[in-house]
N, C-alpha and C. Protein backbone atom coordinates (compact mmCIF):
# COMPACT_ATOMS: atom_id res chain seq x y z
N MET A 1 29.46 -115.11 115.45
CA MET A 1 29.66 -116.41 115.79
C MET A 1 30.57 -116.76 116.97
N ARG A 2 31.63 -115.94 116.99
CA ARG A 2 32.32 -116.25 118.22
C ARG A 2 31.82 -115.99 119.44
N ARG A 3 30.84 -114.95 119.18
CA ARG A 3 30.24 -114.28 120.56
C ARG A 3 29.24 -115.65 120.92
N ILE A 4 28.59 -116.12 120.03
CA ILE A 4 27.60 -117.29 120.33
C ILE A 4 28.36 -118.36 121.02
N LEU A 5 29.54 -118.63 120.52
CA LEU A 5 30.24 -119.81 120.98
C LEU A 5 30.74 -119.66 122.56
N TRP A 6 31.18 -118.40 122.58
CA TRP A 6 31.48 -117.80 124.13
C TRP A 6 30.50 -117.97 125.13
N LEU A 7 29.04 -117.40 124.60
CA LEU A 7 28.04 -117.69 125.50
C LEU A 7 27.69 -119.02 125.64
N VAL A 8 27.77 -120.02 124.88
CA VAL A 8 27.50 -121.44 125.01
C VAL A 8 28.53 -121.88 125.92
N LEU A 9 29.90 -121.58 125.80
CA LEU A 9 30.85 -121.95 126.84
C LEU A 9 30.44 -121.49 128.26
N LEU A 10 30.27 -120.20 128.49
CA LEU A 10 29.51 -119.89 129.79
C LEU A 10 28.70 -120.68 130.26
N LEU A 11 27.61 -120.79 129.38
CA LEU A 11 26.44 -121.39 130.13
C LEU A 11 26.78 -123.14 130.20
N TRP A 12 27.67 -123.57 129.55
CA TRP A 12 28.14 -125.15 129.96
C TRP A 12 28.90 -125.09 130.96
N LEU A 13 29.85 -124.11 131.19
CA LEU A 13 30.57 -123.89 132.64
C LEU A 13 29.74 -123.83 133.84
N GLY A 14 28.68 -122.77 133.62
CA GLY A 14 27.80 -122.74 134.57
C GLY A 14 26.90 -123.78 135.11
N CYS A 15 26.37 -124.64 134.11
CA CYS A 15 25.69 -125.71 134.44
C CYS A 15 26.55 -126.78 134.89
N GLY A 16 27.97 -126.87 134.67
CA GLY A 16 28.81 -127.88 134.97
C GLY A 16 29.17 -127.56 136.68
N GLY A 17 29.25 -126.26 136.92
CA GLY A 17 29.52 -125.64 138.22
C GLY A 17 28.45 -126.07 139.34
N ALA A 18 26.98 -125.88 138.86
CA ALA A 18 25.95 -126.37 139.62
C ALA A 18 25.96 -127.88 140.00
N ALA A 19 26.31 -128.50 138.88
CA ALA A 19 26.17 -130.00 139.11
C ALA A 19 27.21 -130.44 140.29
N THR A 20 28.31 -129.71 140.47
CA THR A 20 29.35 -130.18 141.08
C THR A 20 29.63 -129.20 142.23
N ALA A 21 28.54 -128.54 142.67
CA ALA A 21 28.53 -127.56 143.78
C ALA A 21 28.85 -128.16 145.14
N ALA A 22 29.53 -127.60 145.89
CA ALA A 22 30.10 -128.10 147.20
C ALA A 22 28.71 -128.21 148.13
N PRO A 23 28.67 -129.33 149.12
CA PRO A 23 27.71 -129.39 149.96
C PRO A 23 27.46 -128.13 150.75
N THR A 24 26.27 -127.94 151.13
CA THR A 24 26.03 -126.65 152.10
C THR A 24 25.94 -127.25 153.45
N LYS A 25 25.94 -125.96 154.35
CA LYS A 25 25.87 -126.50 155.84
C LYS A 25 24.49 -126.73 156.45
N THR A 26 23.95 -127.67 155.52
CA THR A 26 22.61 -128.33 155.94
C THR A 26 22.70 -129.68 156.52
N VAL A 27 21.88 -129.98 157.51
CA VAL A 27 21.52 -131.35 157.85
C VAL A 27 20.39 -131.90 157.40
N LEU A 28 20.26 -132.76 156.69
CA LEU A 28 19.00 -133.32 156.02
C LEU A 28 18.72 -134.64 156.50
N VAL A 29 17.35 -134.66 157.33
CA VAL A 29 16.92 -135.67 158.13
C VAL A 29 15.66 -136.20 157.13
N LEU A 30 16.13 -137.58 156.98
CA LEU A 30 14.88 -138.33 156.10
C LEU A 30 14.54 -139.31 156.97
N GLY A 31 13.42 -139.48 157.52
CA GLY A 31 12.87 -140.40 158.44
C GLY A 31 11.35 -140.76 158.25
N ASP A 32 10.98 -141.41 159.13
CA ASP A 32 9.35 -141.64 159.32
C ASP A 32 8.79 -141.03 160.41
N SER A 33 7.77 -141.55 161.03
CA SER A 33 6.88 -140.88 161.98
C SER A 33 7.80 -140.62 163.21
N LEU A 34 8.82 -141.18 163.30
CA LEU A 34 9.71 -141.10 164.66
C LEU A 34 10.40 -139.68 164.63
N SER A 35 10.63 -139.18 163.13
CA SER A 35 11.23 -137.81 163.12
C SER A 35 10.34 -137.00 162.65
N ALA A 36 8.88 -137.25 162.49
CA ALA A 36 8.09 -136.20 161.88
C ALA A 36 6.99 -135.87 163.25
N ALA A 37 7.62 -135.92 164.28
CA ALA A 37 6.80 -135.32 165.48
C ALA A 37 5.30 -136.02 165.57
N HIS A 38 5.02 -137.29 165.42
CA HIS A 38 3.96 -138.09 165.36
C HIS A 38 3.20 -137.64 166.47
N ASN A 39 1.86 -137.02 166.58
CA ASN A 39 1.04 -136.82 167.41
C ASN A 39 1.27 -135.85 168.58
N ILE A 40 2.28 -135.07 168.30
CA ILE A 40 2.80 -133.80 169.20
C ILE A 40 3.04 -132.73 168.27
N ALA A 41 3.18 -131.70 168.69
CA ALA A 41 3.64 -130.37 168.06
C ALA A 41 4.66 -130.43 167.29
N ALA A 42 4.90 -129.92 166.00
CA ALA A 42 5.96 -130.11 165.14
C ALA A 42 7.45 -129.34 166.11
N ASP A 43 6.68 -128.21 166.71
CA ASP A 43 8.15 -127.66 167.43
C ASP A 43 8.66 -128.33 168.69
N GLN A 44 8.01 -129.40 169.07
CA GLN A 44 8.42 -130.39 170.12
C GLN A 44 9.00 -131.54 169.62
N GLY A 45 9.25 -131.96 168.33
CA GLY A 45 9.94 -132.97 167.93
C GLY A 45 11.24 -132.59 167.76
N TRP A 46 12.03 -133.89 167.81
CA TRP A 46 13.56 -133.55 168.14
C TRP A 46 14.18 -133.22 167.00
N VAL A 47 13.59 -133.10 165.71
CA VAL A 47 14.37 -132.71 164.46
C VAL A 47 14.05 -130.90 164.70
N HIS A 48 12.98 -130.56 165.24
CA HIS A 48 12.92 -129.03 165.57
C HIS A 48 13.98 -128.67 166.43
N LEU A 49 14.13 -129.40 167.64
CA LEU A 49 15.12 -129.11 168.64
C LEU A 49 16.42 -129.11 168.12
N LEU A 50 16.66 -130.10 167.13
CA LEU A 50 18.24 -129.96 166.58
C LEU A 50 18.21 -128.69 165.83
N GLU A 51 17.08 -128.33 165.04
CA GLU A 51 17.24 -127.11 164.26
C GLU A 51 17.55 -125.84 165.06
N VAL A 52 16.89 -125.83 166.25
CA VAL A 52 17.39 -124.75 167.12
C VAL A 52 18.69 -124.81 167.73
N ARG A 53 19.21 -125.97 167.91
CA ARG A 53 20.47 -126.12 168.46
C ARG A 53 21.40 -125.85 167.43
N LEU A 54 21.30 -126.39 166.08
CA LEU A 54 22.18 -125.90 165.12
C LEU A 54 22.13 -124.42 164.67
N GLY A 55 21.02 -123.86 164.71
CA GLY A 55 21.05 -122.38 164.94
C GLY A 55 21.97 -121.39 165.61
N GLN A 56 22.32 -122.18 166.78
CA GLN A 56 23.00 -121.46 167.83
C GLN A 56 24.52 -121.79 167.62
N MET A 57 24.75 -122.57 166.75
CA MET A 57 26.17 -122.81 166.35
C MET A 57 26.92 -121.78 165.70
N GLU A 58 28.14 -121.34 165.74
CA GLU A 58 28.76 -120.56 164.98
C GLU A 58 29.99 -120.87 164.07
N PRO A 59 29.81 -120.85 162.81
CA PRO A 59 28.72 -120.26 161.95
C PRO A 59 27.63 -121.41 162.17
N GLY A 60 26.43 -120.87 161.64
CA GLY A 60 25.29 -121.99 161.86
C GLY A 60 24.99 -122.95 161.03
N TRP A 61 24.31 -124.06 161.28
CA TRP A 61 23.87 -124.96 160.18
C TRP A 61 22.41 -124.87 160.24
N THR A 62 21.60 -125.49 159.07
CA THR A 62 20.30 -125.59 159.10
C THR A 62 19.96 -127.02 158.90
N ALA A 63 18.86 -127.14 159.49
CA ALA A 63 18.24 -128.57 159.60
C ALA A 63 16.94 -128.57 158.47
N ILE A 64 16.95 -129.61 157.82
CA ILE A 64 15.89 -129.75 156.70
C ILE A 64 14.97 -131.05 157.36
N ASN A 65 13.79 -131.15 157.63
CA ASN A 65 13.13 -132.26 157.91
C ASN A 65 12.28 -132.75 156.81
N ALA A 66 12.95 -133.75 156.10
CA ALA A 66 12.11 -134.42 154.97
C ALA A 66 11.35 -135.75 155.52
N SER A 67 11.13 -135.85 156.81
CA SER A 67 10.67 -137.01 157.25
C SER A 67 8.99 -137.24 156.88
N ILE A 68 8.52 -138.30 156.71
CA ILE A 68 7.13 -138.53 156.58
C ILE A 68 6.47 -139.64 157.29
N SER A 69 5.57 -139.62 157.86
CA SER A 69 5.01 -140.59 158.61
C SER A 69 4.68 -141.68 157.74
N GLY A 70 4.93 -143.03 158.03
CA GLY A 70 4.61 -143.99 157.05
C GLY A 70 5.70 -144.35 156.22
N GLU A 71 6.89 -143.69 156.12
CA GLU A 71 7.97 -143.89 155.07
C GLU A 71 8.75 -144.94 155.38
N THR A 72 8.76 -145.63 154.40
CA THR A 72 9.49 -147.05 154.27
C THR A 72 10.89 -146.89 153.83
N SER A 73 11.72 -147.68 153.71
CA SER A 73 13.20 -147.44 153.22
C SER A 73 13.03 -147.29 151.65
N LEU A 74 12.00 -148.08 151.03
CA LEU A 74 12.03 -148.09 149.59
C LEU A 74 11.44 -146.58 149.17
N SER A 75 10.58 -145.98 149.81
CA SER A 75 10.10 -144.94 149.47
C SER A 75 11.02 -143.77 149.63
N GLY A 76 11.83 -144.03 151.02
CA GLY A 76 12.87 -142.94 151.20
C GLY A 76 13.92 -142.89 150.15
N ARG A 77 14.42 -144.15 149.67
CA ARG A 77 15.14 -144.35 148.65
C ARG A 77 14.84 -143.58 147.33
N ASN A 78 13.42 -143.62 147.12
CA ASN A 78 13.02 -142.99 145.88
C ASN A 78 13.00 -141.51 145.90
N ARG A 79 12.76 -141.05 147.11
CA ARG A 79 12.61 -139.40 147.31
C ARG A 79 13.98 -138.81 147.55
N LEU A 80 15.19 -139.53 147.70
CA LEU A 80 16.28 -138.99 148.43
C LEU A 80 17.03 -138.17 147.23
N PRO A 81 17.05 -138.67 145.84
CA PRO A 81 17.90 -138.08 144.82
C PRO A 81 17.26 -136.55 144.71
N ALA A 82 16.17 -136.27 144.81
CA ALA A 82 15.61 -134.99 144.46
C ALA A 82 16.01 -134.12 145.72
N LEU A 83 16.06 -134.78 146.78
CA LEU A 83 16.19 -134.19 148.10
C LEU A 83 17.91 -133.53 148.17
N LEU A 84 18.91 -134.31 147.68
CA LEU A 84 20.08 -134.18 147.37
C LEU A 84 20.29 -133.01 146.53
N GLU A 85 19.70 -133.03 145.53
CA GLU A 85 19.93 -132.33 144.40
C GLU A 85 19.50 -130.68 144.94
N LYS A 86 18.24 -130.62 145.67
CA LYS A 86 17.69 -129.45 146.13
C LYS A 86 18.49 -128.76 147.25
N TYR A 87 18.87 -129.73 148.21
CA TYR A 87 19.49 -129.01 149.35
C TYR A 87 21.08 -129.11 149.19
N ARG A 88 21.62 -130.06 148.68
CA ARG A 88 22.90 -130.30 148.82
C ARG A 88 23.63 -130.48 150.25
N PRO A 89 22.94 -131.32 151.01
CA PRO A 89 23.25 -131.16 152.65
C PRO A 89 24.95 -131.57 152.79
N GLY A 90 25.48 -130.97 153.78
CA GLY A 90 26.65 -131.40 154.16
C GLY A 90 26.61 -132.76 154.78
N VAL A 91 25.30 -132.94 155.75
CA VAL A 91 25.19 -134.10 156.60
C VAL A 91 23.82 -134.75 156.09
N VAL A 92 23.51 -135.99 155.92
CA VAL A 92 22.35 -136.79 155.69
C VAL A 92 22.06 -137.73 156.83
N VAL A 93 21.00 -137.54 157.59
CA VAL A 93 20.49 -138.41 158.72
C VAL A 93 19.28 -139.31 158.29
N LEU A 94 19.69 -140.66 158.13
CA LEU A 94 18.76 -141.68 157.82
C LEU A 94 18.11 -142.30 159.01
N GLU A 95 16.81 -142.24 159.14
CA GLU A 95 16.11 -142.76 160.15
C GLU A 95 14.88 -143.38 159.50
N LEU A 96 15.28 -144.65 158.85
CA LEU A 96 14.30 -145.47 158.22
C LEU A 96 14.57 -147.03 158.57
N GLY A 97 13.32 -147.64 158.50
CA GLY A 97 13.55 -149.12 158.82
C GLY A 97 12.37 -149.45 159.65
N ALA A 98 11.97 -148.54 160.67
CA ALA A 98 10.76 -148.92 161.33
C ALA A 98 9.83 -149.55 160.74
N ASN A 99 9.11 -148.71 159.76
CA ASN A 99 7.99 -149.42 159.01
C ASN A 99 8.15 -150.65 158.19
N ASP A 100 9.40 -150.70 157.85
CA ASP A 100 9.87 -152.04 157.14
C ASP A 100 9.69 -153.14 158.09
N GLY A 101 10.26 -152.80 159.47
CA GLY A 101 10.40 -154.00 160.51
C GLY A 101 8.91 -154.15 160.95
N LEU A 102 8.11 -153.21 160.93
CA LEU A 102 6.77 -153.44 161.59
C LEU A 102 5.90 -154.30 160.58
N ARG A 103 6.08 -154.12 159.63
CA ARG A 103 5.65 -154.89 158.52
C ARG A 103 6.13 -156.32 158.13
N GLY A 104 7.09 -156.45 158.68
CA GLY A 104 7.77 -157.71 158.54
C GLY A 104 8.48 -158.04 157.12
N LEU A 105 8.68 -156.85 156.55
CA LEU A 105 9.45 -156.80 155.16
C LEU A 105 10.95 -157.64 155.28
N PRO A 106 11.34 -158.22 154.21
CA PRO A 106 12.54 -158.78 153.94
C PRO A 106 13.95 -157.77 154.54
N LEU A 107 14.58 -158.42 155.34
CA LEU A 107 15.72 -157.53 155.81
C LEU A 107 16.74 -157.36 154.66
N ALA A 108 16.72 -157.90 153.77
CA ALA A 108 17.72 -157.98 152.49
C ALA A 108 17.30 -156.83 151.93
N ALA A 109 15.91 -156.53 151.67
CA ALA A 109 15.54 -155.15 151.00
C ALA A 109 15.95 -153.93 151.54
N LEU A 110 15.56 -153.97 152.96
CA LEU A 110 15.96 -152.93 153.77
C LEU A 110 17.57 -152.59 153.76
N ARG A 111 18.23 -153.62 153.78
CA ARG A 111 19.74 -153.58 153.55
C ARG A 111 20.01 -152.71 152.23
N GLU A 112 19.31 -153.32 151.34
CA GLU A 112 19.84 -153.02 149.83
C GLU A 112 19.32 -151.44 149.69
N ASN A 113 18.14 -150.92 150.36
CA ASN A 113 17.52 -149.69 150.23
C ASN A 113 18.62 -148.68 151.08
N LEU A 114 19.10 -148.99 152.13
CA LEU A 114 19.85 -148.13 153.13
C LEU A 114 21.14 -147.99 152.32
N ALA A 115 21.53 -149.16 151.79
CA ALA A 115 23.03 -148.95 151.30
C ALA A 115 23.00 -148.15 149.86
N SER A 116 21.73 -148.21 149.16
CA SER A 116 21.72 -147.14 148.00
C SER A 116 21.75 -145.63 148.45
N MET A 117 20.84 -145.58 149.46
CA MET A 117 20.74 -144.26 150.08
C MET A 117 22.17 -143.62 150.60
N ILE A 118 23.02 -144.42 151.33
CA ILE A 118 24.10 -144.07 151.79
C ILE A 118 25.29 -143.89 150.65
N ASP A 119 25.08 -144.57 149.63
CA ASP A 119 25.90 -144.24 148.51
C ASP A 119 25.60 -143.05 147.86
N ALA A 120 24.34 -142.67 147.79
CA ALA A 120 23.95 -141.49 146.90
C ALA A 120 24.52 -140.32 147.71
N ALA A 121 24.09 -140.50 149.12
CA ALA A 121 24.34 -139.29 149.92
C ALA A 121 26.17 -139.04 149.92
N GLN A 122 26.96 -140.09 149.89
CA GLN A 122 28.18 -139.97 149.92
C GLN A 122 28.76 -139.48 148.62
N LYS A 123 28.14 -140.09 147.43
CA LYS A 123 28.56 -139.52 146.21
C LYS A 123 28.43 -137.86 146.05
N ALA A 124 27.34 -137.52 146.82
CA ALA A 124 26.83 -136.06 146.76
C ALA A 124 27.75 -135.22 147.59
N GLY A 125 28.78 -136.07 148.33
CA GLY A 125 29.85 -135.30 149.27
C GLY A 125 29.15 -134.96 150.63
N ALA A 126 28.13 -135.67 151.01
CA ALA A 126 27.59 -135.56 152.34
C ALA A 126 28.32 -136.71 153.29
N ARG A 127 28.19 -136.39 154.56
CA ARG A 127 28.49 -137.43 155.67
C ARG A 127 27.13 -138.16 155.97
N VAL A 128 27.13 -139.23 156.60
CA VAL A 128 26.05 -139.94 156.92
C VAL A 128 25.99 -140.21 158.28
N LEU A 129 24.83 -140.23 158.69
CA LEU A 129 24.60 -140.81 160.25
C LEU A 129 23.16 -141.73 160.32
N LEU A 130 23.60 -143.05 160.49
CA LEU A 130 22.44 -143.95 160.49
C LEU A 130 21.90 -143.92 161.91
N LEU A 131 20.40 -144.00 161.93
CA LEU A 131 19.68 -144.12 163.19
C LEU A 131 18.99 -145.41 163.16
N GLY A 132 19.56 -146.21 164.12
CA GLY A 132 18.84 -147.73 164.14
C GLY A 132 17.44 -147.81 165.08
N ILE A 133 16.82 -148.62 165.01
CA ILE A 133 15.43 -148.77 165.51
C ILE A 133 15.39 -150.12 166.27
N GLU A 134 14.45 -150.39 167.17
CA GLU A 134 14.31 -151.62 167.62
C GLU A 134 12.81 -151.98 167.43
N LEU A 135 12.75 -153.32 167.39
CA LEU A 135 11.13 -153.83 167.46
C LEU A 135 10.69 -154.56 168.59
N PRO A 136 9.30 -154.45 168.99
CA PRO A 136 8.84 -155.08 170.09
C PRO A 136 9.43 -156.53 170.08
N VAL A 137 9.06 -156.98 171.24
CA VAL A 137 9.47 -158.32 171.48
C VAL A 137 8.96 -159.64 170.80
N ASN A 138 7.82 -159.18 170.39
CA ASN A 138 6.96 -160.18 169.83
C ASN A 138 7.19 -160.63 168.32
N TYR A 139 8.31 -159.81 167.76
CA TYR A 139 8.85 -159.98 166.41
C TYR A 139 9.68 -161.10 166.43
N GLY A 140 10.19 -161.58 167.55
CA GLY A 140 11.11 -162.59 167.82
C GLY A 140 12.52 -162.30 167.45
N PRO A 141 13.54 -163.02 168.37
CA PRO A 141 14.88 -162.76 168.45
C PRO A 141 15.55 -162.76 167.04
N GLN A 142 15.13 -163.63 166.27
CA GLN A 142 15.86 -163.80 165.02
C GLN A 142 15.77 -162.45 164.07
N TYR A 143 14.61 -162.04 163.90
CA TYR A 143 14.28 -160.86 163.29
C TYR A 143 14.88 -159.52 163.71
N ARG A 144 14.68 -159.47 165.04
CA ARG A 144 15.03 -158.18 165.82
C ARG A 144 16.69 -158.24 165.63
N ASP A 145 17.47 -159.47 165.85
CA ASP A 145 18.72 -159.43 165.71
C ASP A 145 19.25 -159.01 164.34
N GLY A 146 18.48 -159.62 163.38
CA GLY A 146 18.88 -159.17 162.06
C GLY A 146 18.57 -157.78 161.73
N LEU A 147 17.70 -157.34 162.20
CA LEU A 147 17.38 -155.69 161.92
C LEU A 147 18.82 -155.01 162.62
N ARG A 148 19.15 -155.23 163.94
CA ARG A 148 20.10 -154.54 164.46
C ARG A 148 21.59 -154.82 163.53
N ALA A 149 21.69 -155.87 163.03
CA ALA A 149 22.76 -156.33 162.34
C ALA A 149 22.83 -155.67 160.92
N VAL A 150 21.64 -155.16 160.33
CA VAL A 150 21.76 -154.34 159.05
C VAL A 150 22.32 -153.08 159.45
N TYR A 151 21.98 -152.26 160.44
CA TYR A 151 22.34 -151.22 160.92
C TYR A 151 23.97 -151.15 161.29
N ARG A 152 24.39 -152.14 162.02
CA ARG A 152 25.68 -152.08 162.38
C ARG A 152 26.53 -152.45 161.32
N GLU A 153 26.22 -153.55 160.37
CA GLU A 153 27.13 -153.83 159.44
C GLU A 153 27.15 -152.71 158.20
N LEU A 154 26.09 -151.97 157.93
CA LEU A 154 26.32 -151.14 157.06
C LEU A 154 27.17 -149.81 157.67
N SER A 155 26.95 -149.54 158.87
CA SER A 155 27.75 -148.58 159.27
C SER A 155 29.50 -148.60 159.13
N THR A 156 29.64 -150.00 159.37
CA THR A 156 30.98 -150.62 159.48
C THR A 156 31.51 -150.28 157.94
N GLN A 157 30.55 -151.06 157.08
CA GLN A 157 31.15 -151.27 155.57
C GLN A 157 31.19 -149.89 154.81
N LYS A 158 30.21 -149.05 155.10
CA LYS A 158 30.08 -147.76 154.36
C LYS A 158 30.61 -146.61 155.06
N ARG A 159 31.28 -146.92 156.29
CA ARG A 159 32.06 -145.90 157.00
C ARG A 159 31.22 -144.82 157.47
N THR A 160 29.88 -145.01 158.10
CA THR A 160 29.04 -143.99 158.40
C THR A 160 28.76 -144.00 159.96
N ALA A 161 28.65 -142.58 160.46
CA ALA A 161 28.26 -142.83 162.04
C ALA A 161 27.02 -143.39 162.23
N LEU A 162 26.69 -143.79 163.56
CA LEU A 162 25.53 -144.84 163.80
C LEU A 162 25.27 -144.56 165.18
N VAL A 163 23.82 -144.36 165.39
CA VAL A 163 23.23 -144.40 166.72
C VAL A 163 22.47 -145.86 166.79
N PRO A 164 22.98 -146.79 167.34
CA PRO A 164 22.44 -148.09 167.55
C PRO A 164 20.81 -148.23 167.69
N PHE A 165 20.46 -147.29 168.61
CA PHE A 165 18.95 -147.35 168.91
C PHE A 165 18.54 -145.89 169.14
N LEU A 166 17.62 -145.25 168.38
CA LEU A 166 17.39 -143.82 168.34
C LEU A 166 16.41 -143.66 169.67
N LEU A 167 15.87 -144.57 170.16
CA LEU A 167 14.79 -144.42 171.29
C LEU A 167 15.49 -145.04 172.42
N GLU A 168 17.12 -145.03 172.67
CA GLU A 168 17.61 -145.56 173.94
C GLU A 168 17.27 -144.75 175.13
N GLY A 169 16.80 -145.43 176.09
CA GLY A 169 16.52 -144.57 177.48
C GLY A 169 15.26 -143.90 177.47
N VAL A 170 14.38 -144.28 176.46
CA VAL A 170 13.20 -143.52 176.10
C VAL A 170 12.14 -144.65 175.98
N ALA A 171 12.26 -145.73 175.08
CA ALA A 171 11.38 -146.63 174.82
C ALA A 171 10.77 -147.43 175.84
N LEU A 172 11.51 -147.56 176.82
CA LEU A 172 11.14 -148.62 178.04
C LEU A 172 10.67 -147.63 179.08
N ASP A 173 10.36 -146.54 179.02
CA ASP A 173 9.99 -145.51 179.90
C ASP A 173 8.51 -145.21 179.73
N PRO A 174 7.60 -145.59 180.42
CA PRO A 174 6.00 -145.23 179.82
C PRO A 174 5.89 -143.74 180.44
N ALA A 175 6.52 -143.13 181.09
CA ALA A 175 6.43 -141.77 181.34
C ALA A 175 6.89 -140.92 180.01
N LEU A 176 7.61 -141.45 179.11
CA LEU A 176 8.15 -140.79 178.13
C LEU A 176 7.67 -141.00 176.64
N MET A 177 6.67 -142.17 176.67
CA MET A 177 6.15 -142.77 175.61
C MET A 177 4.69 -142.58 175.30
N GLN A 178 4.21 -142.26 174.18
CA GLN A 178 2.74 -142.33 173.95
C GLN A 178 2.14 -143.59 174.28
N ASP A 179 0.80 -143.72 174.26
CA ASP A 179 0.02 -144.79 174.64
C ASP A 179 0.36 -145.86 173.65
N ASP A 180 0.92 -145.59 172.28
CA ASP A 180 1.03 -146.89 171.28
C ASP A 180 2.13 -147.32 171.55
N GLY A 181 3.00 -147.02 172.44
CA GLY A 181 4.26 -147.64 172.62
C GLY A 181 5.18 -147.54 171.78
N LEU A 182 5.11 -146.97 170.77
CA LEU A 182 5.98 -146.74 169.55
C LEU A 182 6.67 -145.33 169.37
N HIS A 183 5.82 -144.22 169.89
CA HIS A 183 6.38 -142.81 169.71
C HIS A 183 6.64 -142.17 170.93
N PRO A 184 7.70 -141.37 171.06
CA PRO A 184 7.84 -140.59 172.41
C PRO A 184 6.75 -139.58 172.53
N LYS A 185 6.54 -139.07 173.66
CA LYS A 185 6.01 -137.99 173.99
C LYS A 185 6.67 -136.94 173.83
N ALA A 186 6.19 -135.71 174.01
CA ALA A 186 7.10 -134.42 173.69
C ALA A 186 7.91 -134.37 174.75
N VAL A 187 7.85 -134.64 175.88
CA VAL A 187 8.73 -134.83 177.03
C VAL A 187 9.88 -135.73 176.88
N GLY A 188 9.62 -136.57 175.89
CA GLY A 188 10.80 -137.65 175.67
C GLY A 188 11.63 -137.10 174.58
N GLU A 189 11.36 -136.19 173.65
CA GLU A 189 12.12 -135.75 172.47
C GLU A 189 13.46 -135.14 172.89
N PRO A 190 13.53 -134.24 173.94
CA PRO A 190 15.09 -133.94 174.27
C PRO A 190 15.99 -135.12 174.36
N LYS A 191 15.55 -136.17 174.98
CA LYS A 191 16.29 -137.51 175.21
C LYS A 191 16.80 -138.07 173.56
N VAL A 192 15.84 -138.02 173.04
CA VAL A 192 16.06 -138.43 171.62
C VAL A 192 16.90 -137.39 170.90
N LEU A 193 16.85 -136.25 171.22
CA LEU A 193 17.94 -135.42 170.43
C LEU A 193 19.33 -135.61 170.91
N GLU A 194 19.24 -136.02 172.33
CA GLU A 194 20.53 -136.13 172.72
C GLU A 194 21.38 -137.40 172.29
N ASN A 195 20.42 -138.38 172.02
CA ASN A 195 20.86 -139.65 171.31
C ASN A 195 21.52 -139.50 169.99
N VAL A 196 20.94 -138.50 169.36
CA VAL A 196 21.33 -138.20 167.97
C VAL A 196 22.59 -137.22 167.91
N TRP A 197 22.49 -136.27 168.84
CA TRP A 197 23.41 -135.21 168.98
C TRP A 197 24.92 -135.82 169.33
N SER A 198 24.94 -137.08 170.08
CA SER A 198 26.22 -137.62 170.39
C SER A 198 26.86 -138.26 169.12
N ALA A 199 26.30 -138.63 168.34
CA ALA A 199 26.90 -139.09 166.85
C ALA A 199 26.98 -138.03 165.99
N LEU A 200 26.07 -136.87 165.97
CA LEU A 200 25.88 -136.11 164.75
C LEU A 200 27.15 -134.93 165.05
N ASN A 201 27.39 -134.50 166.10
CA ASN A 201 28.06 -133.46 166.56
C ASN A 201 29.56 -133.69 166.06
N PRO A 202 30.21 -134.63 166.15
CA PRO A 202 31.47 -134.94 165.35
C PRO A 202 31.51 -134.58 163.92
N LEU A 203 30.33 -135.22 163.23
CA LEU A 203 30.29 -134.83 161.93
C LEU A 203 30.10 -133.44 161.36
N LEU A 204 29.48 -132.72 162.46
CA LEU A 204 29.57 -131.23 162.10
C LEU A 204 30.75 -130.50 162.01
N LYS A 205 31.83 -131.18 163.05
CA LYS A 205 33.12 -130.49 163.33
C LYS A 205 33.91 -130.92 162.57
N GLU A 206 33.69 -132.14 161.77
CA GLU A 206 34.75 -132.66 160.77
C GLU A 206 34.21 -132.22 159.46
N HIS A 207 33.10 -131.75 159.21
CA HIS A 207 32.86 -131.24 157.75
C HIS A 207 33.39 -129.90 157.64
N PRO A 208 34.17 -129.68 156.41
CA PRO A 208 34.80 -128.54 155.90
C PRO A 208 33.71 -127.10 156.19
N LYS A 209 34.26 -126.24 156.84
CA LYS A 209 33.56 -125.10 157.03
C LYS A 209 33.36 -124.23 155.73
N LYS A 210 32.17 -123.64 155.47
CA LYS A 210 31.87 -123.02 154.43
C LYS A 210 32.19 -121.46 154.54
């Protein structure tokens, strides 16, 4: 009986240890087609370029691209818990909201979904980087300004890092954008990475080394 109790105790401690395991040196990117290398080769997308750069660090980090074309903030919110449990990322990069905006969905819902994802990531011990997006001018100044405010205010309230506009320096250059006017060409992806890296790199340095 004593041996059985000892084995049960060991199993209980093992389960508890797994549940509270420290974050790994992994950057989890949860986004939509802007991060899923839409209409270009996967190894030309900014997340793959990030993975290459992270692998050159000493000690190296790993990038996991969980982005899906068409992803909304709600579907991302639903998928995030399992991703956090599986990868235990040290940093979570949230690039969501473009599809919410293009569909004209309520900004209050976007804010709630992003806030929930930030809370979940931070509770899991990860630092968070928010990547903001901009909408075409035909969506009107009120909605566009409101969308910008969602990212800005959440970043301040939740103390996350922020890239105000993922496609800064890319979106208005026809030479860098695909014909749809929404997604970068392969030649524009390195610039997208630089936009992300400027805010991401400090998080990697601040995160406890494993």
